[in-house]
Amino acid sequence: MTICINLDVMMAKRKMRLKSLAEAVGITEANLSILKNGKAKAVRLSTLDKLCEVLECQPGDILEFEVNSDDNDS
């Protein structure tokens, strides 16, 4: 089971660049890049809240739960 981050999809839909989103949310470009690339181990709810506010979306538009095919074999 995996949580996928679809931040890049939402950024593209809103025509928003990493730098401007980072400034609007109040986090560094480096930390936003880590989140966008799915390398983050956690995300603060306050950060998710601000991302949703700026991108005008719901948390489910950014986060997606996927079941890995390996998990179905058990």
Protein backbone atom coordinates (compact mmCIF):
# COMPACT_ATOMS: atom_id res chain seq x y z
CA MET A 1 0.00 0.00 0.00
CA THR A 2 1.29 3.38 -0.95
CA ILE A 3 0.27 6.99 -0.58
CA CYS A 4 1.00 8.82 -3.84
CA ILE A 5 1.49 12.57 -3.98
CA ASN A 6 -0.18 14.17 -7.01
CA LEU A 7 1.09 17.66 -6.26
CA ASP A 8 2.66 18.01 -9.69
CA VAL A 9 -0.72 17.27 -11.31
CA MET A 10 -2.47 19.95 -9.25
CA MET A 11 0.32 22.44 -9.92
CA ALA A 12 -0.03 21.82 -13.66
CA LYS A 13 -3.82 22.21 -13.51
CA ARG A 14 -3.42 25.53 -11.70
CA LYS A 15 -0.46 26.58 -13.90
CA MET A 16 1.61 27.19 -10.79
CA ARG A 17 5.38 26.96 -10.56
CA LEU A 18 7.30 25.45 -7.65
CA LYS A 19 8.79 28.79 -6.59
CA SER A 20 5.47 30.65 -6.46
CA LEU A 21 3.70 27.78 -4.67
CA ALA A 22 6.50 27.52 -2.10
CA GLU A 23 6.26 31.25 -1.41
CA ALA A 24 2.46 31.14 -1.11
CA VAL A 25 2.54 28.12 1.22
CA GLY A 26 5.47 29.39 3.27
CA ILE A 27 7.89 26.48 2.84
CA THR A 28 11.21 26.22 1.05
CA GLU A 29 11.39 25.20 -2.58
CA ALA A 30 13.60 22.28 -1.53
CA ASN A 31 10.99 20.93 0.91
CA LEU A 32 8.19 21.42 -1.60
CA SER A 33 10.26 19.60 -4.23
CA ILE A 34 10.76 16.66 -1.85
CA LEU A 35 7.01 16.50 -1.32
CA LYS A 36 6.23 16.90 -5.03
CA ASN A 37 8.62 14.10 -5.99
CA GLY A 38 7.13 11.68 -3.46
CA LYS A 39 10.29 11.53 -1.34
CA ALA A 40 8.68 12.96 1.81
CA LYS A 41 8.12 10.61 4.74
CA ALA A 42 5.44 12.85 6.26
CA VAL A 43 3.49 16.02 5.62
CA ARG A 44 2.20 18.37 8.28
CA LEU A 45 -1.53 18.92 8.25
CA SER A 46 -0.90 22.66 8.38
CA THR A 47 1.17 22.35 5.17
CA LEU A 48 -1.52 20.23 3.50
CA ASP A 49 -4.12 22.76 4.61
CA LYS A 50 -2.17 25.64 3.06
CA LEU A 51 -1.51 23.68 -0.15
CA CYS A 52 -5.24 23.01 -0.52
CA GLU A 53 -6.04 26.66 0.17
CA VAL A 54 -3.55 27.98 -2.39
CA LEU A 55 -4.33 25.35 -5.04
CA GLU A 56 -8.09 25.56 -4.33
CA CYS A 57 -8.46 21.81 -4.02
CA GLN A 58 -9.24 19.02 -1.57
CA PRO A 59 -6.63 16.84 0.19
CA GLY A 60 -7.77 13.91 -1.97
CA ASP A 61 -6.73 15.86 -5.06
CA ILE A 62 -3.14 15.84 -3.75
CA LEU A 63 -2.96 12.55 -1.85
CA GLU A 64 -3.99 9.21 -3.34
CA PHE A 65 -3.96 5.74 -1.80
CA GLU A 66 -2.78 2.94 -4.08
CA VAL A 67 -2.76 -0.77 -3.36
CA ASN A 68 0.42 -2.39 -4.69
CA SER A 69 -0.06 -5.58 -6.70
CA ASP A 70 2.31 -7.35 -4.26
CA ASP A 71 -0.06 -6.54 -1.38
CA ASN A 72 -2.94 -8.37 -3.06
CA ASP A 73 -1.04 -11.68 -3.06
CA SER A 74 -1.18 -12.17 0.74
